[in-house]
Amino acid sequence: MTRVTARRPTLRVTATGEIKRPDTLAVEEPLEIRLGGQSLTVTMRTPGSDIDLVHGFLLSENIIATADDIVSARYCSGTDENGQNTYNVLDIQLRTPTPIQPRGFLTTSACGLCGKTALDDVRARTRYPIPTDGLTVDTAALATMPDTLRTQQAVFDATGGLHAAGLFTTDGTLLAVREDIGRHNAVDKVLGWALRENRIPAHDLLLIVSGRASFELVQKAVQAGIPMLGAVSAPSSLAVDLAADSGLTLVGFLRGETMNIYTGAHRISGIQG
């Protein structure tokens, strides 16, 4: 399997002078996803956990509902200039074959469409509606989750260039974490883990991401039935609209003891109002 990091020469400029030295970078390579030998899409990702990534992507796009919907996943042959397998083409055999045709993916449905159309599209395709009750989490436990996630970002420590996504229980226990150059891929990878572990719909889990909360990340949480998404940075306006429309609790600027609760405050205990 391709390495997740690579070394490249760099010239570092500092206040005291210049230093020539190699730098450790996160690898970015294409992954072509095929269904039954036909190309579905290509995503730029950091190699690793590709099987999880594909499971999560197909779940997010409403192509599969359970891990049993996939019969097999195998890398196709393909070599680089050194004759080594690139592991950059993954062919999926579905239990019920799905014809490949031009389609708009849910993850890009906000592009070129009005906000209402994007929200309606997600609502129409959601398999696992989020229950209005059930999961609650205390602010003290919620506040610990970004730091817990950060301690598990080994590749970020080496490169400073990867996003992370983690699935937590309400008491702050981290069940799974995945890193990737793309924040949407990191989420797909961790959702794919949950699907393969039979944890979807994930009505009892929280999704925590290391960056901002975009429309596509909220959409992926909704498709997996996750009631709460917490982000270290800001959400977008359409992300907040989708969270409100779907009944998802959305928390942004989750840093230390501070946080902004944009939707679904009823799931968070330890607040006044």
C-alpha atoms as a PDB file:
ATOM      1  CA  MET A   1       0.000   0.000   0.000  1.00  0.00           C
ATOM      2  CA  THR A   2       1.175   3.491  -0.832  1.00  0.00           C
ATOM      3  CA  ARG A   3       2.665   5.398   2.071  1.00  0.00           C
ATOM      4  CA  VAL A   4       0.556   8.113   3.691  1.00  0.00           C
ATOM      5  CA  THR A   5       3.540  10.480   3.924  1.00  0.00           C
ATOM      6  CA  ALA A   6       6.314  11.470   1.519  1.00  0.00           C
ATOM      7  CA  ARG A   7       9.546  13.474   1.798  1.00  0.00           C
ATOM      8  CA  ARG A   8      10.225  16.449  -0.471  1.00  0.00           C
ATOM      9  CA  PRO A   9      13.128  18.971  -0.486  1.00  0.00           C
ATOM     10  CA  THR A  10      12.344  22.420   0.847  1.00  0.00           C
ATOM     11  CA  LEU A  11      14.094  25.706   1.557  1.00  0.00           C
ATOM     12  CA  ARG A  12      13.068  26.973   4.983  1.00  0.00           C
ATOM     13  CA  VAL A  13      13.471  30.705   5.541  1.00  0.00           C
ATOM     14  CA  THR A  14      13.778  31.901   9.143  1.00  0.00           C
ATOM     15  CA  ALA A  15      14.714  35.116  10.890  1.00  0.00           C
ATOM     16  CA  THR A  16      18.222  33.763  11.383  1.00  0.00           C
ATOM     17  CA  GLY A  17      18.821  32.406   7.901  1.00  0.00           C
ATOM     18  CA  GLU A  18      17.900  29.747   5.333  1.00  0.00           C
ATOM     19  CA  ILE A  19      17.971  25.987   5.755  1.00  0.00           C
ATOM     20  CA  LYS A  20      17.767  23.360   3.027  1.00  0.00           C
ATOM     21  CA  ARG A  21      16.133  20.216   4.344  1.00  0.00           C
ATOM     22  CA  PRO A  22      13.522  17.591   3.447  1.00  0.00           C
ATOM     23  CA  ASP A  23       9.978  18.084   4.683  1.00  0.00           C
ATOM     24  CA  THR A  24       7.381  15.431   5.483  1.00  0.00           C
ATOM     25  CA  LEU A  25       4.170  15.879   3.508  1.00  0.00           C
ATOM     26  CA  ALA A  26       0.805  14.137   3.443  1.00  0.00           C
ATOM     27  CA  VAL A  27       0.384  12.031   0.318  1.00  0.00           C
ATOM     28  CA  GLU A  28      -2.456  12.958  -2.021  1.00  0.00           C
ATOM     29  CA  GLU A  29      -3.419  10.482  -4.742  1.00  0.00           C
ATOM     30  CA  PRO A  30      -6.555   9.772  -6.783  1.00  0.00           C
ATOM     31  CA  LEU A  31      -8.836   6.887  -5.939  1.00  0.00           C
ATOM     32  CA  GLU A  32     -11.146   5.749  -8.715  1.00  0.00           C
ATOM     33  CA  ILE A  33     -14.265   4.023  -7.415  1.00  0.00           C
ATOM     34  CA  ARG A  34     -15.857   1.536  -9.800  1.00  0.00           C
ATOM     35  CA  LEU A  35     -19.128  -0.340  -9.490  1.00  0.00           C
ATOM     36  CA  GLY A  36     -19.089  -3.634 -11.317  1.00  0.00           C
ATOM     37  CA  GLY A  37     -16.160  -2.525 -13.447  1.00  0.00           C
ATOM     38  CA  GLN A  38     -17.724   0.798 -14.448  1.00  0.00           C
ATOM     39  CA  SER A  39     -16.243   4.066 -13.220  1.00  0.00           C
ATOM     40  CA  LEU A  40     -18.427   5.898 -10.695  1.00  0.00           C
ATOM     41  CA  THR A  41     -16.194   8.716  -9.481  1.00  0.00           C
ATOM     42  CA  VAL A  42     -12.646   9.762  -8.635  1.00  0.00           C
ATOM     43  CA  THR A  43     -11.726  11.359  -5.329  1.00  0.00           C
ATOM     44  CA  MET A  44      -8.401  12.790  -4.226  1.00  0.00           C
ATOM     45  CA  ARG A  45      -7.496  11.185  -0.933  1.00  0.00           C
ATOM     46  CA  THR A  46      -4.689  10.165   1.383  1.00  0.00           C
ATOM     47  CA  PRO A  47      -4.137   6.408   0.845  1.00  0.00           C
ATOM     48  CA  GLY A  48      -5.210   4.204   3.700  1.00  0.00           C
ATOM     49  CA  SER A  49      -8.589   2.924   4.944  1.00  0.00           C
ATOM     50  CA  ASP A  50      -9.794   2.931   1.322  1.00  0.00           C
ATOM     51  CA  ILE A  51     -12.330   0.183   2.020  1.00  0.00           C
ATOM     52  CA  ASP A  52     -13.827   2.283   4.815  1.00  0.00           C
ATOM     53  CA  LEU A  53     -13.799   5.325   2.536  1.00  0.00           C
ATOM     54  CA  VAL A  54     -15.773   3.559  -0.180  1.00  0.00           C
ATOM     55  CA  HIS A  55     -18.295   2.116   2.276  1.00  0.00           C
ATOM     56  CA  GLY A  56     -18.831   5.559   3.784  1.00  0.00           C
ATOM     57  CA  PHE A  57     -19.081   7.273   0.405  1.00  0.00           C
ATOM     58  CA  LEU A  58     -21.631   4.802  -0.938  1.00  0.00           C
ATOM     59  CA  LEU A  59     -23.638   5.130   2.294  1.00  0.00           C
ATOM     60  CA  SER A  60     -23.530   8.931   2.080  1.00  0.00           C
ATOM     61  CA  GLU A  61     -24.714   8.792  -1.521  1.00  0.00           C
ATOM     62  CA  ASN A  62     -27.605   6.454  -0.618  1.00  0.00           C
ATOM     63  CA  ILE A  63     -26.242   3.719  -2.906  1.00  0.00           C
ATOM     64  CA  ILE A  64     -25.979   1.210  -0.049  1.00  0.00           C
ATOM     65  CA  ALA A  65     -27.685   0.911   3.338  1.00  0.00           C
ATOM     66  CA  THR A  66     -25.647  -1.826   5.038  1.00  0.00           C
ATOM     67  CA  ALA A  67     -22.268  -3.468   4.643  1.00  0.00           C
ATOM     68  CA  ASP A  68     -24.054  -6.555   3.322  1.00  0.00           C
ATOM     69  CA  ASP A  69     -24.993  -4.586   0.202  1.00  0.00           C
ATOM     70  CA  ILE A  70     -21.336  -4.954  -0.883  1.00  0.00           C
ATOM     71  CA  VAL A  71     -20.293  -8.423  -2.007  1.00  0.00           C
ATOM     72  CA  SER A  72     -16.627  -7.636  -2.625  1.00  0.00           C
ATOM     73  CA  ALA A  73     -14.124  -4.805  -2.912  1.00  0.00           C
ATOM     74  CA  ARG A  74     -10.856  -5.369  -4.756  1.00  0.00           C
ATOM     75  CA  TYR A  75      -8.027  -3.260  -6.079  1.00  0.00           C
ATOM     76  CA  CYS A  76      -7.620  -3.363  -9.836  1.00  0.00           C
ATOM     77  CA  SER A  77      -4.230  -3.725 -11.453  1.00  0.00           C
ATOM     78  CA  GLY A  78      -2.414  -0.502 -12.156  1.00  0.00           C
ATOM     79  CA  THR A  79       1.269   0.315 -11.855  1.00  0.00           C
ATOM     80  CA  ASP A  80       3.431   3.373 -11.461  1.00  0.00           C
ATOM     81  CA  GLU A  81       6.658   4.185 -13.294  1.00  0.00           C
ATOM     82  CA  ASN A  82       8.497   1.693 -11.085  1.00  0.00           C
ATOM     83  CA  GLY A  83       6.100  -1.133 -11.873  1.00  0.00           C
ATOM     84  CA  GLN A  84       4.528  -1.065  -8.406  1.00  0.00           C
ATOM     85  CA  ASN A  85       0.786  -1.418  -7.896  1.00  0.00           C
ATOM     86  CA  THR A  86      -0.674   2.022  -7.206  1.00  0.00           C
ATOM     87  CA  TYR A  87      -3.743   0.714  -5.340  1.00  0.00           C
ATOM     88  CA  ASN A  88      -5.638   3.674  -6.788  1.00  0.00           C
ATOM     89  CA  VAL A  89      -8.539   1.835  -8.447  1.00  0.00           C
ATOM     90  CA  LEU A  90     -11.090   0.044  -6.274  1.00  0.00           C
ATOM     91  CA  ASP A  91     -13.833  -2.040  -7.878  1.00  0.00           C
ATOM     92  CA  ILE A  92     -16.979  -2.715  -5.858  1.00  0.00           C
ATOM     93  CA  GLN A  93     -19.397  -5.545  -6.551  1.00  0.00           C
ATOM     94  CA  LEU A  94     -22.849  -4.787  -5.199  1.00  0.00           C
ATOM     95  CA  ARG A  95     -25.305  -7.478  -4.169  1.00  0.00           C
ATOM     96  CA  THR A  96     -27.880  -5.695  -6.321  1.00  0.00           C
ATOM     97  CA  PRO A  97     -26.062  -4.219  -9.340  1.00  0.00           C
ATOM     98  CA  THR A  98     -26.711  -0.520  -9.871  1.00  0.00           C
ATOM     99  CA  PRO A  99     -26.547   0.889 -13.421  1.00  0.00           C
ATOM    100  CA  ILE A 100     -24.025   3.704 -13.751  1.00  0.00           C
ATOM    101  CA  GLN A 101     -25.547   6.818 -15.214  1.00  0.00           C
ATOM    102  CA  PRO A 102     -24.879  10.560 -15.026  1.00  0.00           C
ATOM    103  CA  ARG A 103     -25.968  11.732 -11.597  1.00  0.00           C
ATOM    104  CA  GLY A 104     -25.517  14.522  -9.153  1.00  0.00           C
ATOM    105  CA  PHE A 105     -23.955  13.336  -5.933  1.00  0.00           C
ATOM    106  CA  LEU A 106     -25.502  14.460  -2.683  1.00  0.00           C
ATOM    107  CA  THR A 107     -22.117  15.762  -1.549  1.00  0.00           C
ATOM    108  CA  THR A 108     -22.109  18.279  -4.406  1.00  0.00           C
ATOM    109  CA  SER A 109     -25.829  18.970  -4.594  1.00  0.00           C
ATOM    110  CA  ALA A 110     -25.310  22.397  -3.063  1.00  0.00           C
ATOM    111  CA  CYS A 111     -23.197  23.432  -6.056  1.00  0.00           C
ATOM    112  CA  GLY A 112     -25.132  25.281  -8.709  1.00  0.00           C
ATOM    113  CA  LEU A 113     -28.476  24.779  -6.950  1.00  0.00           C
ATOM    114  CA  CYS A 114     -30.486  26.934  -4.589  1.00  0.00           C
ATOM    115  CA  GLY A 115     -30.303  26.067  -0.905  1.00  0.00           C
ATOM    116  CA  LYS A 116     -33.880  24.770  -0.769  1.00  0.00           C
ATOM    117  CA  THR A 117     -33.232  22.338  -3.613  1.00  0.00           C
ATOM    118  CA  ALA A 118     -30.164  20.982  -1.822  1.00  0.00           C
ATOM    119  CA  LEU A 119     -32.110  20.513   1.433  1.00  0.00           C
ATOM    120  CA  ASP A 120     -35.006  18.841  -0.363  1.00  0.00           C
ATOM    121  CA  ASP A 121     -32.579  16.480  -2.124  1.00  0.00           C
ATOM    122  CA  VAL A 122     -31.068  15.292   1.157  1.00  0.00           C
ATOM    123  CA  ARG A 123     -34.491  14.936   2.799  1.00  0.00           C
ATOM    124  CA  ALA A 124     -35.782  12.813  -0.085  1.00  0.00           C
ATOM    125  CA  ARG A 125     -32.837  10.393   0.027  1.00  0.00           C
ATOM    126  CA  THR A 126     -32.330   9.973   3.776  1.00  0.00           C
ATOM    127  CA  ARG A 127     -32.709   6.354   4.918  1.00  0.00           C
ATOM    128  CA  TYR A 128     -32.180   6.929   8.637  1.00  0.00           C
ATOM    129  CA  PRO A 129     -34.138   9.945   9.961  1.00  0.00           C
ATOM    130  CA  ILE A 130     -32.658  11.381  13.143  1.00  0.00           C
ATOM    131  CA  PRO A 131     -34.884  10.714  16.180  1.00  0.00           C
ATOM    132  CA  THR A 132     -36.033  13.778  18.090  1.00  0.00           C
ATOM    133  CA  ASP A 133     -35.102  12.278  21.466  1.00  0.00           C
ATOM    134  CA  GLY A 134     -32.599   9.746  22.750  1.00  0.00           C
ATOM    135  CA  LEU A 135     -29.024  11.022  22.687  1.00  0.00           C
ATOM    136  CA  THR A 136     -27.928  13.707  25.139  1.00  0.00           C
ATOM    137  CA  VAL A 137     -24.429  14.817  26.052  1.00  0.00           C
ATOM    138  CA  ASP A 138     -23.075  17.026  28.803  1.00  0.00           C
ATOM    139  CA  THR A 139     -21.080  20.121  27.865  1.00  0.00           C
ATOM    140  CA  ALA A 140     -18.149  18.893  29.970  1.00  0.00           C
ATOM    141  CA  ALA A 141     -17.903  15.632  27.987  1.00  0.00           C
ATOM    142  CA  LEU A 142     -18.435  17.417  24.671  1.00  0.00           C
ATOM    143  CA  ALA A 143     -15.636  19.859  25.452  1.00  0.00           C
ATOM    144  CA  THR A 144     -13.090  17.032  25.848  1.00  0.00           C
ATOM    145  CA  MET A 145     -13.730  15.460  22.441  1.00  0.00           C
ATOM    146  CA  PRO A 146     -11.664  17.721  20.140  1.00  0.00           C
ATOM    147  CA  ASP A 147      -8.585  17.301  22.352  1.00  0.00           C
ATOM    148  CA  THR A 148      -9.104  13.539  22.452  1.00  0.00           C
ATOM    149  CA  LEU A 149      -9.389  13.510  18.666  1.00  0.00           C
ATOM    150  CA  ARG A 150      -6.254  15.625  18.350  1.00  0.00           C
ATOM    151  CA  THR A 151      -4.164  13.162  20.368  1.00  0.00           C
ATOM    152  CA  GLN A 152      -4.932  10.463  17.776  1.00  0.00           C
ATOM    153  CA  GLN A 153      -3.885  12.475  14.703  1.00  0.00           C
ATOM    154  CA  ALA A 154      -0.542  10.768  14.130  1.00  0.00           C
ATOM    155  CA  VAL A 155      -0.155  11.764  10.482  1.00  0.00           C
ATOM    156  CA  PHE A 156      -1.118  15.364  11.231  1.00  0.00           C
ATOM    157  CA  ASP A 157       1.669  15.425  13.812  1.00  0.00           C
ATOM    158  CA  ALA A 158       4.130  14.449  11.085  1.00  0.00           C
ATOM    159  CA  THR A 159       2.800  16.677   8.294  1.00  0.00           C
ATOM    160  CA  GLY A 160       0.480  19.366   9.670  1.00  0.00           C
ATOM    161  CA  GLY A 161      -1.657  18.747   6.599  1.00  0.00           C
ATOM    162  CA  LEU A 162      -4.537  16.359   7.344  1.00  0.00           C
ATOM    163  CA  HIS A 163      -8.110  16.616   8.555  1.00  0.00           C
ATOM    164  CA  ALA A 164      -9.559  14.188  11.070  1.00  0.00           C
ATOM    165  CA  ALA A 165     -12.989  12.814  11.932  1.00  0.00           C
ATOM    166  CA  GLY A 166     -13.923  10.770  14.973  1.00  0.00           C
ATOM    167  CA  LEU A 167     -16.951   8.931  16.317  1.00  0.00           C
ATOM    168  CA  PHE A 168     -17.609   9.278  20.050  1.00  0.00           C
ATOM    169  CA  THR A 169     -19.995   7.921  22.639  1.00  0.00           C
ATOM    170  CA  THR A 170     -21.801  10.413  24.859  1.00  0.00           C
ATOM    171  CA  ASP A 171     -19.327   9.949  27.711  1.00  0.00           C
ATOM    172  CA  GLY A 172     -16.435  11.082  25.497  1.00  0.00           C
ATOM    173  CA  THR A 173     -15.065   7.671  24.502  1.00  0.00           C
ATOM    174  CA  LEU A 174     -13.462   7.722  21.059  1.00  0.00           C
ATOM    175  CA  LEU A 175     -14.479   4.653  19.050  1.00  0.00           C
ATOM    176  CA  ALA A 176     -12.811   5.377  15.721  1.00  0.00           C
ATOM    177  CA  VAL A 177     -10.708   8.084  14.089  1.00  0.00           C
ATOM    178  CA  ARG A 178      -9.605   8.544  10.493  1.00  0.00           C
ATOM    179  CA  GLU A 179      -7.357  11.139   8.816  1.00  0.00           C
ATOM    180  CA  ASP A 180      -7.319  12.355   5.231  1.00  0.00           C
ATOM    181  CA  ILE A 181      -6.238  15.271   3.048  1.00  0.00           C
ATOM    182  CA  GLY A 182      -9.952  15.877   2.391  1.00  0.00           C
ATOM    183  CA  ARG A 183     -12.299  16.493   5.310  1.00  0.00           C
ATOM    184  CA  HIS A 184     -15.130  14.753   3.428  1.00  0.00           C
ATOM    185  CA  ASN A 185     -12.924  11.675   2.926  1.00  0.00           C
ATOM    186  CA  ALA A 186     -12.039  11.571   6.622  1.00  0.00           C
ATOM    187  CA  VAL A 187     -15.756  11.524   7.429  1.00  0.00           C
ATOM    188  CA  ASP A 188     -16.471   8.861   4.793  1.00  0.00           C
ATOM    189  CA  LYS A 189     -13.702   6.705   6.243  1.00  0.00           C
ATOM    190  CA  VAL A 190     -15.047   6.866   9.769  1.00  0.00           C
ATOM    191  CA  LEU A 191     -18.638   6.295   8.595  1.00  0.00           C
ATOM    192  CA  GLY A 192     -17.419   3.334   6.576  1.00  0.00           C
ATOM    193  CA  TRP A 193     -15.890   1.903   9.754  1.00  0.00           C
ATOM    194  CA  ALA A 194     -19.233   2.321  11.518  1.00  0.00           C
ATOM    195  CA  LEU A 195     -21.107   0.660   8.659  1.00  0.00           C
ATOM    196  CA  ARG A 196     -18.765  -2.328   8.668  1.00  0.00           C
ATOM    197  CA  GLU A 197     -19.118  -2.578  12.460  1.00  0.00           C
ATOM    198  CA  ASN A 198     -22.918  -2.593  12.151  1.00  0.00           C
ATOM    199  CA  ARG A 199     -23.195   0.778  13.959  1.00  0.00           C
ATOM    200  CA  ILE A 200     -25.385   2.431  11.297  1.00  0.00           C
ATOM    201  CA  PRO A 201     -27.788   4.079  11.913  1.00  0.00           C
ATOM    202  CA  ALA A 202     -25.560   5.739  14.491  1.00  0.00           C
ATOM    203  CA  HIS A 203     -28.318   7.211  16.653  1.00  0.00           C
ATOM    204  CA  ASP A 204     -26.147   6.834  19.772  1.00  0.00           C
ATOM    205  CA  LEU A 205     -22.933   8.443  18.466  1.00  0.00           C
ATOM    206  CA  LEU A 206     -21.446  11.901  17.900  1.00  0.00           C
ATOM    207  CA  LEU A 207     -19.303  12.931  14.939  1.00  0.00           C
ATOM    208  CA  ILE A 208     -16.438  15.340  15.713  1.00  0.00           C
ATOM    209  CA  VAL A 209     -14.373  16.942  12.928  1.00  0.00           C
ATOM    210  CA  SER A 210     -11.122  18.869  13.151  1.00  0.00           C
ATOM    211  CA  GLY A 211     -12.035  21.726  10.797  1.00  0.00           C
ATOM    212  CA  ARG A 212     -15.131  23.551   9.674  1.00  0.00           C
ATOM    213  CA  ALA A 213     -18.612  22.106   9.217  1.00  0.00           C
ATOM    214  CA  SER A 214     -19.708  22.361   5.586  1.00  0.00           C
ATOM    215  CA  PHE A 215     -22.993  21.340   3.988  1.00  0.00           C
ATOM    216  CA  GLU A 216     -21.450  18.064   2.804  1.00  0.00           C
ATOM    217  CA  LEU A 217     -20.291  17.046   6.287  1.00  0.00           C
ATOM    218  CA  VAL A 218     -23.721  17.698   7.782  1.00  0.00           C
ATOM    219  CA  GLN A 219     -25.262  15.759   4.885  1.00  0.00           C
ATOM    220  CA  LYS A 220     -23.020  12.767   5.582  1.00  0.00           C
ATOM    221  CA  ALA A 221     -23.921  12.817   9.286  1.00  0.00           C
ATOM    222  CA  VAL A 222     -27.618  12.966   8.403  1.00  0.00           C
ATOM    223  CA  GLN A 223     -27.330  10.044   5.963  1.00  0.00           C
ATOM    224  CA  ALA A 224     -25.755   7.956   8.735  1.00  0.00           C
ATOM    225  CA  GLY A 225     -28.434   8.889  11.275  1.00  0.00           C
ATOM    226  CA  ILE A 226     -25.959  10.705  13.542  1.00  0.00           C
ATOM    227  CA  PRO A 227     -27.773  13.130  15.864  1.00  0.00           C
ATOM    228  CA  MET A 228     -24.863  15.494  16.661  1.00  0.00           C
ATOM    229  CA  LEU A 229     -21.939  17.003  14.748  1.00  0.00           C
ATOM    230  CA  GLY A 230     -19.260  19.045  16.475  1.00  0.00           C
ATOM    231  CA  ALA A 231     -16.643  21.066  14.616  1.00  0.00           C
ATOM    232  CA  VAL A 232     -13.561  22.877  15.846  1.00  0.00           C
ATOM    233  CA  SER A 233     -14.185  25.705  13.383  1.00  0.00           C
ATOM    234  CA  ALA A 234     -17.189  27.458  11.860  1.00  0.00           C
ATOM    235  CA  PRO A 235     -20.178  26.003  10.030  1.00  0.00           C
ATOM    236  CA  SER A 236     -21.488  27.411   6.772  1.00  0.00           C
ATOM    237  CA  SER A 237     -24.952  28.948   6.503  1.00  0.00           C
ATOM    238  CA  LEU A 238     -26.264  26.038   4.432  1.00  0.00           C
ATOM    239  CA  ALA A 239     -24.798  23.562   6.925  1.00  0.00           C
ATOM    240  CA  VAL A 240     -26.838  25.217   9.687  1.00  0.00           C
ATOM    241  CA  ASP A 241     -29.948  25.213   7.485  1.00  0.00           C
ATOM    242  CA  LEU A 242     -29.558  21.497   6.725  1.00  0.00           C
ATOM    243  CA  ALA A 243     -28.933  20.665  10.396  1.00  0.00           C
ATOM    244  CA  ALA A 244     -32.088  22.525  11.415  1.00  0.00           C
ATOM    245  CA  ASP A 245     -34.116  20.927   8.626  1.00  0.00           C
ATOM    246  CA  SER A 246     -32.883  17.424   9.546  1.00  0.00           C
ATOM    247  CA  GLY A 247     -33.138  17.716  13.336  1.00  0.00           C
ATOM    248  CA  LEU A 248     -29.359  17.422  13.832  1.00  0.00           C
ATOM    249  CA  THR A 249     -27.539  19.165  16.669  1.00  0.00           C
ATOM    250  CA  LEU A 250     -24.743  21.278  15.179  1.00  0.00           C
ATOM    251  CA  VAL A 251     -21.959  22.691  17.361  1.00  0.00           C
ATOM    252  CA  GLY A 252     -19.206  24.922  15.999  1.00  0.00           C
ATOM    253  CA  PHE A 253     -16.101  26.593  17.442  1.00  0.00           C
ATOM    254  CA  LEU A 254     -15.812  23.660  19.843  1.00  0.00           C
ATOM    255  CA  ARG A 255     -12.642  24.678  21.616  1.00  0.00           C
ATOM    256  CA  GLY A 256     -11.954  23.992  25.263  1.00  0.00           C
ATOM    257  CA  GLU A 257     -14.921  25.039  27.363  1.00  0.00           C
ATOM    258  CA  THR A 258     -16.402  27.316  24.697  1.00  0.00           C
ATOM    259  CA  MET A 259     -18.738  26.360  21.864  1.00  0.00           C
ATOM    260  CA  ASN A 260     -21.465  27.769  19.633  1.00  0.00           C
ATOM    261  CA  ILE A 261     -24.658  25.699  19.502  1.00  0.00           C
ATOM    262  CA  TYR A 262     -26.423  26.460  16.227  1.00  0.00           C
ATOM    263  CA  THR A 263     -29.204  23.855  16.249  1.00  0.00           C
ATOM    264  CA  GLY A 264     -30.593  21.150  18.519  1.00  0.00           C
ATOM    265  CA  ALA A 265     -29.585  22.568  21.902  1.00  0.00           C
ATOM    266  CA  HIS A 266     -32.076  20.172  23.583  1.00  0.00           C
ATOM    267  CA  ARG A 267     -29.507  17.372  23.218  1.00  0.00           C
ATOM    268  CA  ILE A 268     -26.883  19.198  25.272  1.00  0.00           C
ATOM    269  CA  SER A 269     -27.142  19.228  29.052  1.00  0.00           C
ATOM    270  CA  GLY A 270     -25.332  21.614  31.351  1.00  0.00           C
ATOM    271  CA  ILE A 271     -26.520  24.794  29.613  1.00  0.00           C
ATOM    272  CA  GLN A 272     -28.955  27.377  30.863  1.00  0.00           C
ATOM    273  CA  GLY A 273     -31.068  27.939  27.882  1.00  0.00           C
END
